[in-house]
Amino acid sequence: MSLTIEPRLAARKEQAVDDDMELAERFAAGDERAVKAMYDRWSRIVYTLAVRSLGDTTEAEDVTQRTFVSAWTSHSSFRPGQAPLGAWLITIARRRIADAHEARARTARLEEALKAVAPEVAVEHDVSDAMLVADEVAQLEPDARAVLALAFYEDLTHQQISERLDMPLGTVKSHIRRSLTRLRSRLEAHHVTS
């Protein structure tokens, strides 16, 4: 028994390969319409990978968006002849998924650290603590305030904050460390006087 490929199927496969190469070249050249075509073609795959790994549809949607934003911002580094565009995009998606897992772990560590600093705070302190934290955050210098907002409200990694704010990575880490130390000190002082 010989395996033969029907000519129409072979032609369709060749057309798909040609389409992928043409799309890859347009993308590498900075054609914004290529990103739309990429999104139409691969967003479901990226989303599916993210939701399977993270188990959360909202996070998966965010990872999908971040994947395509990352791909576009680094399109100049893509080399069409070195790897297929889809494989390159999936590699970016896996990195964004790993970032999401790291953000979860970082949040868990922060929650544990806060529990260690202020164990079993009574309910009546919750409102005053929230007001104290909000007041302290408002008093931070604008750069530190922006860094904290991106870290805790948008759940970005240090590297992502550095890229978004065009700020050196060490500066981002220093802002976070100093701000958390300041907040911890104020919370501890507040609980001692309460």
N, C-alpha and C. Protein backbone atom coordinates (compact mmCIF):
# COMPACT_ATOMS: atom_id res chain seq x y z
N MET A 1 0.84 -1.17 0.00
CA MET A 1 0.00 0.00 0.00
C MET A 1 0.89 1.24 0.00
N SER A 2 0.70 2.07 -0.97
CA SER A 2 1.51 3.28 -1.05
C SER A 2 0.68 4.46 -0.57
N LEU A 3 1.36 5.37 0.07
CA LEU A 3 0.70 6.55 0.61
C LEU A 3 0.88 7.69 -0.38
N THR A 4 -0.21 8.15 -0.93
CA THR A 4 -0.13 9.27 -1.87
C THR A 4 -0.92 10.44 -1.31
N ILE A 5 -0.41 11.59 -1.56
CA ILE A 5 -1.08 12.80 -1.11
C ILE A 5 -1.85 13.37 -2.28
N GLU A 6 -3.09 13.65 -2.01
CA GLU A 6 -3.93 14.23 -3.05
C GLU A 6 -3.35 15.59 -3.45
N PRO A 7 -3.26 15.89 -4.73
CA PRO A 7 -2.65 17.14 -5.19
C PRO A 7 -3.25 18.39 -4.56
N ARG A 8 -4.56 18.40 -4.34
CA ARG A 8 -5.19 19.59 -3.74
C ARG A 8 -4.68 19.82 -2.32
N LEU A 9 -4.52 18.72 -1.53
CA LEU A 9 -4.02 18.85 -0.16
C LEU A 9 -2.57 19.32 -0.14
N ALA A 10 -1.77 18.80 -1.03
CA ALA A 10 -0.37 19.22 -1.10
C ALA A 10 -0.28 20.70 -1.46
N ALA A 11 -1.11 21.13 -2.38
CA ALA A 11 -1.11 22.54 -2.78
C ALA A 11 -1.54 23.43 -1.62
N ARG A 12 -2.53 22.98 -0.84
CA ARG A 12 -2.98 23.77 0.32
C ARG A 12 -1.88 23.86 1.37
N LYS A 13 -1.17 22.76 1.58
CA LYS A 13 -0.09 22.76 2.56
C LYS A 13 1.02 23.71 2.12
N GLU A 14 1.38 23.66 0.85
CA GLU A 14 2.41 24.57 0.33
C GLU A 14 1.95 26.02 0.47
N GLN A 15 0.68 26.28 0.20
CA GLN A 15 0.14 27.64 0.32
C GLN A 15 0.24 28.12 1.77
N ALA A 16 -0.08 27.22 2.74
CA ALA A 16 -0.01 27.59 4.16
C ALA A 16 1.42 27.92 4.55
N VAL A 17 2.38 27.13 4.09
CA VAL A 17 3.79 27.40 4.39
C VAL A 17 4.21 28.74 3.77
N ASP A 18 3.80 28.98 2.53
CA ASP A 18 4.11 30.24 1.86
C ASP A 18 3.47 31.41 2.61
N ASP A 19 2.22 31.24 3.05
CA ASP A 19 1.53 32.29 3.80
C ASP A 19 2.26 32.59 5.11
N ASP A 20 2.70 31.54 5.81
CA ASP A 20 3.43 31.74 7.07
C ASP A 20 4.75 32.48 6.83
N MET A 21 5.46 32.12 5.79
CA MET A 21 6.73 32.81 5.49
C MET A 21 6.48 34.27 5.14
N GLU A 22 5.46 34.52 4.34
CA GLU A 22 5.14 35.89 3.95
C GLU A 22 4.73 36.70 5.18
N LEU A 23 3.93 36.11 6.06
CA LEU A 23 3.51 36.78 7.29
C LEU A 23 4.72 37.05 8.19
N ALA A 24 5.61 36.09 8.31
CA ALA A 24 6.82 36.26 9.12
C ALA A 24 7.68 37.41 8.60
N GLU A 25 7.82 37.49 7.29
CA GLU A 25 8.62 38.57 6.71
C GLU A 25 7.97 39.93 6.91
N ARG A 26 6.65 39.99 6.77
CA ARG A 26 5.93 41.25 7.01
C ARG A 26 6.07 41.67 8.46
N PHE A 27 5.93 40.70 9.37
CA PHE A 27 6.04 41.00 10.80
C PHE A 27 7.43 41.51 11.13
N ALA A 28 8.46 40.81 10.66
CA ALA A 28 9.84 41.22 10.94
C ALA A 28 10.13 42.61 10.38
N ALA A 29 9.46 42.97 9.29
CA ALA A 29 9.65 44.28 8.68
C ALA A 29 8.87 45.39 9.41
N GLY A 30 8.03 45.00 10.39
CA GLY A 30 7.31 46.00 11.16
C GLY A 30 5.92 46.32 10.65
N ASP A 31 5.35 45.43 9.85
CA ASP A 31 3.99 45.65 9.32
C ASP A 31 2.98 45.39 10.43
N GLU A 32 2.28 46.43 10.87
CA GLU A 32 1.31 46.31 11.96
C GLU A 32 0.15 45.38 11.61
N ARG A 33 -0.21 45.30 10.34
CA ARG A 33 -1.29 44.39 9.93
C ARG A 33 -0.88 42.93 10.14
N ALA A 34 0.41 42.68 10.13
CA ALA A 34 0.88 41.31 10.36
C ALA A 34 0.56 40.87 11.79
N VAL A 35 0.60 41.80 12.75
CA VAL A 35 0.27 41.45 14.13
C VAL A 35 -1.19 41.03 14.23
N LYS A 36 -2.06 41.74 13.53
CA LYS A 36 -3.49 41.38 13.52
C LYS A 36 -3.66 39.97 12.94
N ALA A 37 -2.97 39.70 11.85
CA ALA A 37 -3.06 38.37 11.24
C ALA A 37 -2.51 37.30 12.18
N MET A 38 -1.41 37.62 12.87
CA MET A 38 -0.85 36.69 13.85
C MET A 38 -1.85 36.43 14.96
N TYR A 39 -2.46 37.49 15.46
CA TYR A 39 -3.44 37.36 16.54
C TYR A 39 -4.60 36.46 16.09
N ASP A 40 -5.10 36.72 14.89
CA ASP A 40 -6.20 35.91 14.37
C ASP A 40 -5.80 34.44 14.26
N ARG A 41 -4.56 34.20 13.90
CA ARG A 41 -4.10 32.84 13.65
C ARG A 41 -3.71 32.10 14.93
N TRP A 42 -3.06 32.77 15.89
CA TRP A 42 -2.47 32.07 17.02
C TRP A 42 -3.02 32.45 18.40
N SER A 43 -3.91 33.40 18.50
CA SER A 43 -4.37 33.82 19.84
C SER A 43 -5.09 32.69 20.58
N ARG A 44 -5.84 31.87 19.88
CA ARG A 44 -6.54 30.76 20.55
C ARG A 44 -5.55 29.77 21.14
N ILE A 45 -4.48 29.51 20.41
CA ILE A 45 -3.46 28.57 20.91
C ILE A 45 -2.79 29.14 22.15
N VAL A 46 -2.42 30.42 22.08
CA VAL A 46 -1.77 31.07 23.22
C VAL A 46 -2.71 31.07 24.43
N TYR A 47 -3.96 31.44 24.20
CA TYR A 47 -4.95 31.46 25.28
C TYR A 47 -5.12 30.07 25.89
N THR A 48 -5.22 29.05 25.05
CA THR A 48 -5.41 27.69 25.54
C THR A 48 -4.22 27.25 26.40
N LEU A 49 -3.00 27.53 25.94
CA LEU A 49 -1.82 27.20 26.74
C LEU A 49 -1.88 27.90 28.10
N ALA A 50 -2.24 29.17 28.08
CA ALA A 50 -2.27 29.95 29.32
C ALA A 50 -3.34 29.45 30.27
N VAL A 51 -4.53 29.18 29.77
CA VAL A 51 -5.61 28.76 30.66
C VAL A 51 -5.32 27.37 31.23
N ARG A 52 -4.71 26.51 30.43
CA ARG A 52 -4.36 25.17 30.94
C ARG A 52 -3.30 25.26 32.03
N SER A 53 -2.35 26.14 31.88
CA SER A 53 -1.28 26.26 32.86
C SER A 53 -1.73 27.02 34.10
N LEU A 54 -2.47 28.11 33.90
CA LEU A 54 -2.83 28.98 35.02
C LEU A 54 -4.17 28.61 35.67
N GLY A 55 -5.06 28.00 34.88
CA GLY A 55 -6.35 27.62 35.42
C GLY A 55 -7.28 28.79 35.68
N ASP A 56 -6.98 29.94 35.10
CA ASP A 56 -7.79 31.14 35.34
C ASP A 56 -7.97 31.87 34.01
N THR A 57 -9.23 32.07 33.61
CA THR A 57 -9.48 32.67 32.30
C THR A 57 -9.05 34.12 32.23
N THR A 58 -9.21 34.87 33.32
CA THR A 58 -8.80 36.28 33.31
C THR A 58 -7.29 36.40 33.14
N GLU A 59 -6.56 35.60 33.90
CA GLU A 59 -5.10 35.61 33.75
C GLU A 59 -4.68 35.15 32.36
N ALA A 60 -5.39 34.16 31.83
CA ALA A 60 -5.06 33.66 30.49
C ALA A 60 -5.28 34.75 29.44
N GLU A 61 -6.35 35.53 29.60
CA GLU A 61 -6.58 36.64 28.67
C GLU A 61 -5.46 37.67 28.77
N ASP A 62 -5.05 37.95 30.00
CA ASP A 62 -3.96 38.91 30.21
C ASP A 62 -2.65 38.39 29.60
N VAL A 63 -2.35 37.12 29.81
CA VAL A 63 -1.15 36.52 29.23
C VAL A 63 -1.20 36.58 27.71
N THR A 64 -2.36 36.32 27.14
CA THR A 64 -2.51 36.38 25.68
C THR A 64 -2.20 37.78 25.18
N GLN A 65 -2.77 38.78 25.84
CA GLN A 65 -2.50 40.16 25.44
C GLN A 65 -1.02 40.50 25.59
N ARG A 66 -0.43 40.13 26.72
CA ARG A 66 0.98 40.42 26.96
C ARG A 66 1.89 39.73 25.95
N THR A 67 1.49 38.54 25.53
CA THR A 67 2.28 37.80 24.55
C THR A 67 2.37 38.58 23.24
N PHE A 68 1.24 39.06 22.76
CA PHE A 68 1.24 39.77 21.48
C PHE A 68 1.88 41.15 21.60
N VAL A 69 1.74 41.79 22.75
CA VAL A 69 2.43 43.07 22.97
C VAL A 69 3.94 42.83 22.99
N SER A 70 4.37 41.80 23.71
CA SER A 70 5.80 41.47 23.76
C SER A 70 6.34 41.13 22.37
N ALA A 71 5.55 40.37 21.62
CA ALA A 71 5.99 40.00 20.27
C ALA A 71 6.17 41.26 19.43
N TRP A 72 5.21 42.16 19.50
CA TRP A 72 5.31 43.37 18.68
C TRP A 72 6.49 44.24 19.12
N THR A 73 6.68 44.40 20.42
CA THR A 73 7.78 45.27 20.88
C THR A 73 9.15 44.67 20.57
N SER A 74 9.20 43.37 20.34
CA SER A 74 10.49 42.75 20.01
C SER A 74 10.51 42.20 18.59
N HIS A 75 9.65 42.72 17.72
CA HIS A 75 9.58 42.19 16.35
C HIS A 75 10.90 42.34 15.60
N SER A 76 11.69 43.33 15.96
CA SER A 76 12.96 43.53 15.25
C SER A 76 13.97 42.42 15.56
N SER A 77 13.74 41.69 16.65
CA SER A 77 14.67 40.60 16.98
C SER A 77 14.29 39.28 16.30
N PHE A 78 13.11 39.24 15.70
CA PHE A 78 12.67 38.02 15.03
C PHE A 78 13.38 37.88 13.69
N ARG A 79 13.90 36.69 13.43
CA ARG A 79 14.57 36.38 12.17
C ARG A 79 13.77 35.29 11.45
N PRO A 80 13.07 35.66 10.37
CA PRO A 80 12.19 34.70 9.69
C PRO A 80 12.85 33.39 9.29
N GLY A 81 14.09 33.40 8.92
CA GLY A 81 14.73 32.16 8.46
C GLY A 81 15.18 31.25 9.59
N GLN A 82 15.24 31.75 10.83
CA GLN A 82 15.77 30.95 11.94
C GLN A 82 14.72 30.06 12.60
N ALA A 83 13.50 30.54 12.71
CA ALA A 83 12.46 29.76 13.38
C ALA A 83 11.10 30.15 12.80
N PRO A 84 10.17 29.24 12.81
CA PRO A 84 8.82 29.60 12.36
C PRO A 84 8.21 30.65 13.30
N LEU A 85 7.44 31.54 12.76
CA LEU A 85 6.83 32.61 13.53
C LEU A 85 5.96 32.06 14.67
N GLY A 86 5.19 31.03 14.39
CA GLY A 86 4.34 30.44 15.42
C GLY A 86 5.14 29.89 16.59
N ALA A 87 6.24 29.22 16.32
CA ALA A 87 7.09 28.68 17.38
C ALA A 87 7.70 29.80 18.22
N TRP A 88 8.14 30.87 17.56
CA TRP A 88 8.70 32.02 18.24
C TRP A 88 7.65 32.64 19.16
N LEU A 89 6.43 32.76 18.67
CA LEU A 89 5.34 33.33 19.45
C LEU A 89 5.00 32.46 20.65
N ILE A 90 4.97 31.15 20.48
CA ILE A 90 4.67 30.23 21.58
C ILE A 90 5.76 30.32 22.66
N THR A 91 7.01 30.52 22.25
CA THR A 91 8.10 30.71 23.21
C THR A 91 7.83 31.95 24.07
N ILE A 92 7.40 33.02 23.44
CA ILE A 92 7.06 34.24 24.18
C ILE A 92 5.89 33.95 25.13
N ALA A 93 4.89 33.24 24.65
CA ALA A 93 3.73 32.91 25.49
C ALA A 93 4.16 32.12 26.72
N ARG A 94 5.04 31.17 26.54
CA ARG A 94 5.52 30.37 27.68
C ARG A 94 6.25 31.25 28.70
N ARG A 95 6.99 32.24 28.22
CA ARG A 95 7.66 33.17 29.14
C ARG A 95 6.64 34.01 29.90
N ARG A 96 5.60 34.49 29.21
CA ARG A 96 4.57 35.29 29.88
C ARG A 96 3.80 34.44 30.88
N ILE A 97 3.58 33.16 30.57
CA ILE A 97 2.93 32.25 31.52
C ILE A 97 3.82 32.07 32.74
N ALA A 98 5.11 31.89 32.52
CA ALA A 98 6.05 31.76 33.64
C ALA A 98 6.04 33.04 34.48
N ASP A 99 5.97 34.20 33.83
CA ASP A 99 5.88 35.48 34.56
C ASP A 99 4.64 35.50 35.44
N ALA A 100 3.52 35.00 34.93
CA ALA A 100 2.28 34.98 35.70
C ALA A 100 2.41 34.08 36.92
N HIS A 101 3.04 32.93 36.73
CA HIS A 101 3.27 32.03 37.87
C HIS A 101 4.19 32.69 38.89
N GLU A 102 5.21 33.37 38.43
CA GLU A 102 6.13 34.07 39.34
C GLU A 102 5.40 35.18 40.08
N ALA A 103 4.52 35.89 39.40
CA ALA A 103 3.75 36.96 40.06
C ALA A 103 2.86 36.37 41.15
N ARG A 104 2.27 35.21 40.89
CA ARG A 104 1.47 34.54 41.92
C ARG A 104 2.34 34.20 43.13
N ALA A 105 3.50 33.64 42.85
CA ALA A 105 4.40 33.25 43.94
C ALA A 105 4.84 34.48 44.72
N ARG A 106 5.13 35.57 44.02
CA ARG A 106 5.56 36.81 44.67
C ARG A 106 4.44 37.35 45.56
N THR A 107 3.21 37.29 45.07
CA THR A 107 2.07 37.76 45.86
C THR A 107 1.91 36.90 47.10
N ALA A 108 2.05 35.60 46.95
CA ALA A 108 1.94 34.70 48.10
C ALA A 108 3.04 35.01 49.13
N ARG A 109 4.26 35.25 48.64
CA ARG A 109 5.36 35.59 49.56
C ARG A 109 5.08 36.90 50.28
N LEU A 110 4.55 37.88 49.54
CA LEU A 110 4.23 39.17 50.15
C LEU A 110 3.15 39.02 51.20
N GLU A 111 2.12 38.23 50.90
CA GLU A 111 1.06 38.00 51.88
C GLU A 111 1.60 37.33 53.13
N GLU A 112 2.49 36.37 52.94
CA GLU A 112 3.10 35.70 54.09
C GLU A 112 3.96 36.67 54.90
N ALA A 113 4.70 37.52 54.20
CA ALA A 113 5.53 38.51 54.90
C ALA A 113 4.66 39.49 55.67
N LEU A 114 3.55 39.90 55.08
CA LEU A 114 2.66 40.82 55.79
C LEU A 114 2.02 40.14 56.99
N LYS A 115 1.68 38.87 56.88
CA LYS A 115 1.13 38.14 58.02
C LYS A 115 2.16 38.04 59.15
N ALA A 116 3.43 37.87 58.79
CA ALA A 116 4.48 37.77 59.79
C ALA A 116 4.68 39.11 60.51
N VAL A 117 4.50 40.20 59.79
CA VAL A 117 4.69 41.53 60.37
C VAL A 117 3.51 41.90 61.27
N ALA A 118 2.32 41.63 60.81
CA ALA A 118 1.12 42.00 61.55
C ALA A 118 0.20 40.80 61.68
N PRO A 119 0.60 39.81 62.54
CA PRO A 119 -0.22 38.62 62.66
C PRO A 119 -1.56 38.91 63.34
N GLU A 120 -2.60 38.29 62.80
CA GLU A 120 -3.93 38.36 63.39
C GLU A 120 -4.33 39.75 63.85
N VAL A 121 -4.31 40.69 62.92
CA VAL A 121 -4.74 42.05 63.22
C VAL A 121 -6.25 42.03 63.42
N ALA A 122 -6.69 42.71 64.45
CA ALA A 122 -8.12 42.75 64.74
C ALA A 122 -8.86 43.47 63.60
N VAL A 123 -10.13 43.16 63.43
CA VAL A 123 -10.91 43.70 62.34
C VAL A 123 -10.98 45.22 62.42
N GLU A 124 -11.04 45.79 63.62
CA GLU A 124 -11.16 47.24 63.71
C GLU A 124 -9.91 47.94 63.18
N HIS A 125 -8.80 47.25 63.08
CA HIS A 125 -7.58 47.84 62.55
C HIS A 125 -7.56 47.83 61.02
N ASP A 126 -8.37 47.00 60.40
CA ASP A 126 -8.33 46.88 58.95
C ASP A 126 -8.52 48.21 58.24
N VAL A 127 -9.54 48.97 58.65
CA VAL A 127 -9.82 50.25 57.99
C VAL A 127 -8.70 51.24 58.28
N SER A 128 -8.25 51.29 59.52
CA SER A 128 -7.18 52.25 59.84
C SER A 128 -5.87 51.84 59.15
N ASP A 129 -5.62 50.54 59.05
CA ASP A 129 -4.42 50.09 58.35
C ASP A 129 -4.49 50.45 56.87
N ALA A 130 -5.65 50.25 56.27
CA ALA A 130 -5.81 50.58 54.85
C ALA A 130 -5.60 52.07 54.62
N MET A 131 -6.13 52.88 55.54
CA MET A 131 -5.96 54.33 55.41
C MET A 131 -4.49 54.72 55.60
N LEU A 132 -3.83 54.07 56.56
CA LEU A 132 -2.42 54.34 56.80
C LEU A 132 -1.58 53.96 55.58
N VAL A 133 -1.83 52.79 55.02
CA VAL A 133 -1.08 52.36 53.84
C VAL A 133 -1.35 53.31 52.67
N ALA A 134 -2.61 53.67 52.45
CA ALA A 134 -2.94 54.59 51.36
C ALA A 134 -2.25 55.93 51.55
N ASP A 135 -2.21 56.41 52.80
CA ASP A 135 -1.53 57.68 53.09
C ASP A 135 -0.03 57.58 52.82
N GLU A 136 0.56 56.48 53.25
CA GLU A 136 2.00 56.29 53.04
C GLU A 136 2.34 56.17 51.55
N VAL A 137 1.52 55.45 50.80
CA VAL A 137 1.75 55.31 49.36
C VAL A 137 1.64 56.67 48.69
N ALA A 138 0.66 57.47 49.12
CA ALA A 138 0.48 58.81 48.54
C ALA A 138 1.69 59.70 48.81
N GLN A 139 2.40 59.46 49.91
CA GLN A 139 3.56 60.28 50.27
C GLN A 139 4.85 59.85 49.56
N LEU A 140 4.82 58.69 48.90
CA LEU A 140 6.00 58.24 48.18
C LEU A 140 6.29 59.16 47.01
N GLU A 141 7.55 59.21 46.62
CA GLU A 141 7.88 60.00 45.44
C GLU A 141 7.20 59.36 44.23
N PRO A 142 6.94 60.15 43.18
CA PRO A 142 6.16 59.65 42.04
C PRO A 142 6.71 58.37 41.41
N ASP A 143 8.04 58.26 41.27
CA ASP A 143 8.60 57.04 40.67
C ASP A 143 8.31 55.81 41.52
N ALA A 144 8.51 55.94 42.83
CA ALA A 144 8.27 54.80 43.73
C ALA A 144 6.79 54.44 43.73
N ARG A 145 5.93 55.44 43.71
CA ARG A 145 4.48 55.19 43.69
C ARG A 145 4.09 54.44 42.41
N ALA A 146 4.66 54.86 41.28
CA ALA A 146 4.37 54.20 40.00
C ALA A 146 4.85 52.75 40.01
N VAL A 147 6.04 52.53 40.56
CA VAL A 147 6.59 51.17 40.63
C VAL A 147 5.70 50.28 41.49
N LEU A 148 5.28 50.77 42.66
CA LEU A 148 4.42 49.96 43.53
C LEU A 148 3.07 49.67 42.86
N ALA A 149 2.52 50.64 42.19
CA ALA A 149 1.24 50.43 41.52
C ALA A 149 1.35 49.33 40.46
N LEU A 150 2.43 49.35 39.68
CA LEU A 150 2.61 48.33 38.66
C LEU A 150 2.88 46.96 39.27
N ALA A 151 3.62 46.93 40.38
CA ALA A 151 3.95 45.66 41.03
C ALA A 151 2.75 45.01 41.69
N PHE A 152 1.93 45.81 42.37
CA PHE A 152 0.87 45.20 43.18
C PHE A 152 -0.52 45.31 42.57
N TYR A 153 -0.78 46.30 41.76
CA TYR A 153 -2.11 46.40 41.16
C TYR A 153 -2.15 45.76 39.78
N GLU A 154 -1.05 45.86 39.03
CA GLU A 154 -1.01 45.24 37.70
C GLU A 154 -0.24 43.93 37.71
N ASP A 155 0.38 43.62 38.86
CA ASP A 155 1.06 42.33 39.06
C ASP A 155 2.17 42.09 38.04
N LEU A 156 2.94 43.14 37.74
CA LEU A 156 4.04 43.00 36.78
C LEU A 156 5.31 42.56 37.50
N THR A 157 6.18 41.87 36.78
CA THR A 157 7.47 41.49 37.34
C THR A 157 8.38 42.71 37.37
N HIS A 158 9.48 42.60 38.09
CA HIS A 158 10.44 43.70 38.15
C HIS A 158 10.92 44.06 36.75
N GLN A 159 11.20 43.05 35.94
CA GLN A 159 11.68 43.29 34.57
C GLN A 159 10.63 44.02 33.74
N GLN A 160 9.39 43.62 33.86
CA GLN A 160 8.32 44.26 33.11
C GLN A 160 8.13 45.71 33.54
N ILE A 161 8.25 45.96 34.84
CA ILE A 161 8.14 47.34 35.34
C ILE A 161 9.29 48.17 34.78
N SER A 162 10.48 47.60 34.79
CA SER A 162 11.66 48.28 34.25
C SER A 162 11.44 48.68 32.80
N GLU A 163 10.91 47.75 32.02
CA GLU A 163 10.66 48.03 30.60
C GLU A 163 9.55 49.04 30.42
N ARG A 164 8.47 48.89 31.18
CA ARG A 164 7.32 49.79 31.03
C ARG A 164 7.69 51.22 31.40
N LEU A 165 8.47 51.40 32.49
CA LEU A 165 8.82 52.75 32.95
C LEU A 165 10.14 53.25 32.39
N ASP A 166 10.79 52.41 31.59
CA ASP A 166 12.11 52.75 31.05
C ASP A 166 13.04 53.17 32.19
N MET A 167 13.10 52.29 33.20
CA MET A 167 13.84 52.54 34.42
C MET A 167 14.79 51.36 34.63
N PRO A 168 16.01 51.61 35.09
CA PRO A 168 16.92 50.48 35.33
C PRO A 168 16.33 49.47 36.32
N LEU A 169 16.61 48.20 36.09
CA LEU A 169 16.05 47.13 36.92
C LEU A 169 16.43 47.31 38.39
N GLY A 170 17.67 47.68 38.65
CA GLY A 170 18.12 47.89 40.03
C GLY A 170 17.34 49.00 40.72
N THR A 171 16.99 50.03 39.98
CA THR A 171 16.22 51.13 40.54
C THR A 171 14.81 50.66 40.90
N VAL A 172 14.22 49.85 40.04
CA VAL A 172 12.89 49.30 40.32
C VAL A 172 12.93 48.49 41.62
N LYS A 173 13.92 47.61 41.74
CA LYS A 173 14.04 46.77 42.94
C LYS A 173 14.26 47.62 44.18
N SER A 174 15.08 48.66 44.06
CA SER A 174 15.34 49.54 45.20
C SER A 174 14.07 50.27 45.63
N HIS A 175 13.30 50.78 44.67
CA HIS A 175 12.05 51.47 45.01
C HIS A 175 11.11 50.53 45.76
N ILE A 176 10.98 49.30 45.28
CA ILE A 176 10.08 48.34 45.93
C ILE A 176 10.58 48.02 47.33
N ARG A 177 11.85 47.73 47.47
CA ARG A 177 12.41 47.37 48.78
C ARG A 177 12.25 48.51 49.78
N ARG A 178 12.63 49.73 49.37
CA ARG A 178 12.53 50.88 50.29
C ARG A 178 11.07 51.18 50.64
N SER A 179 10.19 51.10 49.66
CA SER A 179 8.78 51.41 49.91
C SER A 179 8.15 50.39 50.85
N LEU A 180 8.44 49.10 50.65
CA LEU A 180 7.89 48.08 51.53
C LEU A 180 8.46 48.19 52.94
N THR A 181 9.73 48.52 53.05
CA THR A 181 10.34 48.71 54.37
C THR A 181 9.67 49.87 55.09
N ARG A 182 9.43 50.95 54.36
CA ARG A 182 8.77 52.12 54.94
C ARG A 182 7.35 51.77 55.38
N LEU A 183 6.61 51.07 54.54
CA LEU A 183 5.25 50.68 54.89
C LEU A 183 5.23 49.75 56.10
N ARG A 184 6.15 48.79 56.13
CA ARG A 184 6.21 47.86 57.26
C ARG A 184 6.50 48.60 58.55
N SER A 185 7.46 49.53 58.51
CA SER A 185 7.80 50.31 59.70
C SER A 185 6.60 51.10 60.21
N ARG A 186 5.89 51.73 59.28
CA ARG A 186 4.72 52.52 59.67
C ARG A 186 3.63 51.63 60.26
N LEU A 187 3.39 50.46 59.66
CA LEU A 187 2.39 49.55 60.20
C LEU A 187 2.78 49.04 61.58
N GLU A 188 4.05 48.70 61.75
CA GLU A 188 4.51 48.23 63.06
C GLU A 188 4.35 49.33 64.10
N ALA A 189 4.75 50.54 63.76
CA ALA A 189 4.62 51.68 64.68
C ALA A 189 3.15 51.93 65.01
N HIS A 190 2.30 51.83 64.01
CA HIS A 190 0.87 52.06 64.21
C HIS A 190 0.29 51.02 65.16
N HIS A 191 0.72 49.76 65.04
CA HIS A 191 0.18 48.69 65.90
C HIS A 191 0.71 48.79 67.31
N VAL A 192 1.91 49.32 67.46
CA VAL A 192 2.47 49.50 68.80
C VAL A 192 1.70 50.59 69.55
N THR A 193 1.32 51.64 68.85
CA THR A 193 0.62 52.76 69.49
C THR A 193 -0.87 52.51 69.61
N SER A 194 -1.41 51.53 68.88
CA SER A 194 -2.86 51.27 68.93
C SER A 194 -3.25 50.52 70.18
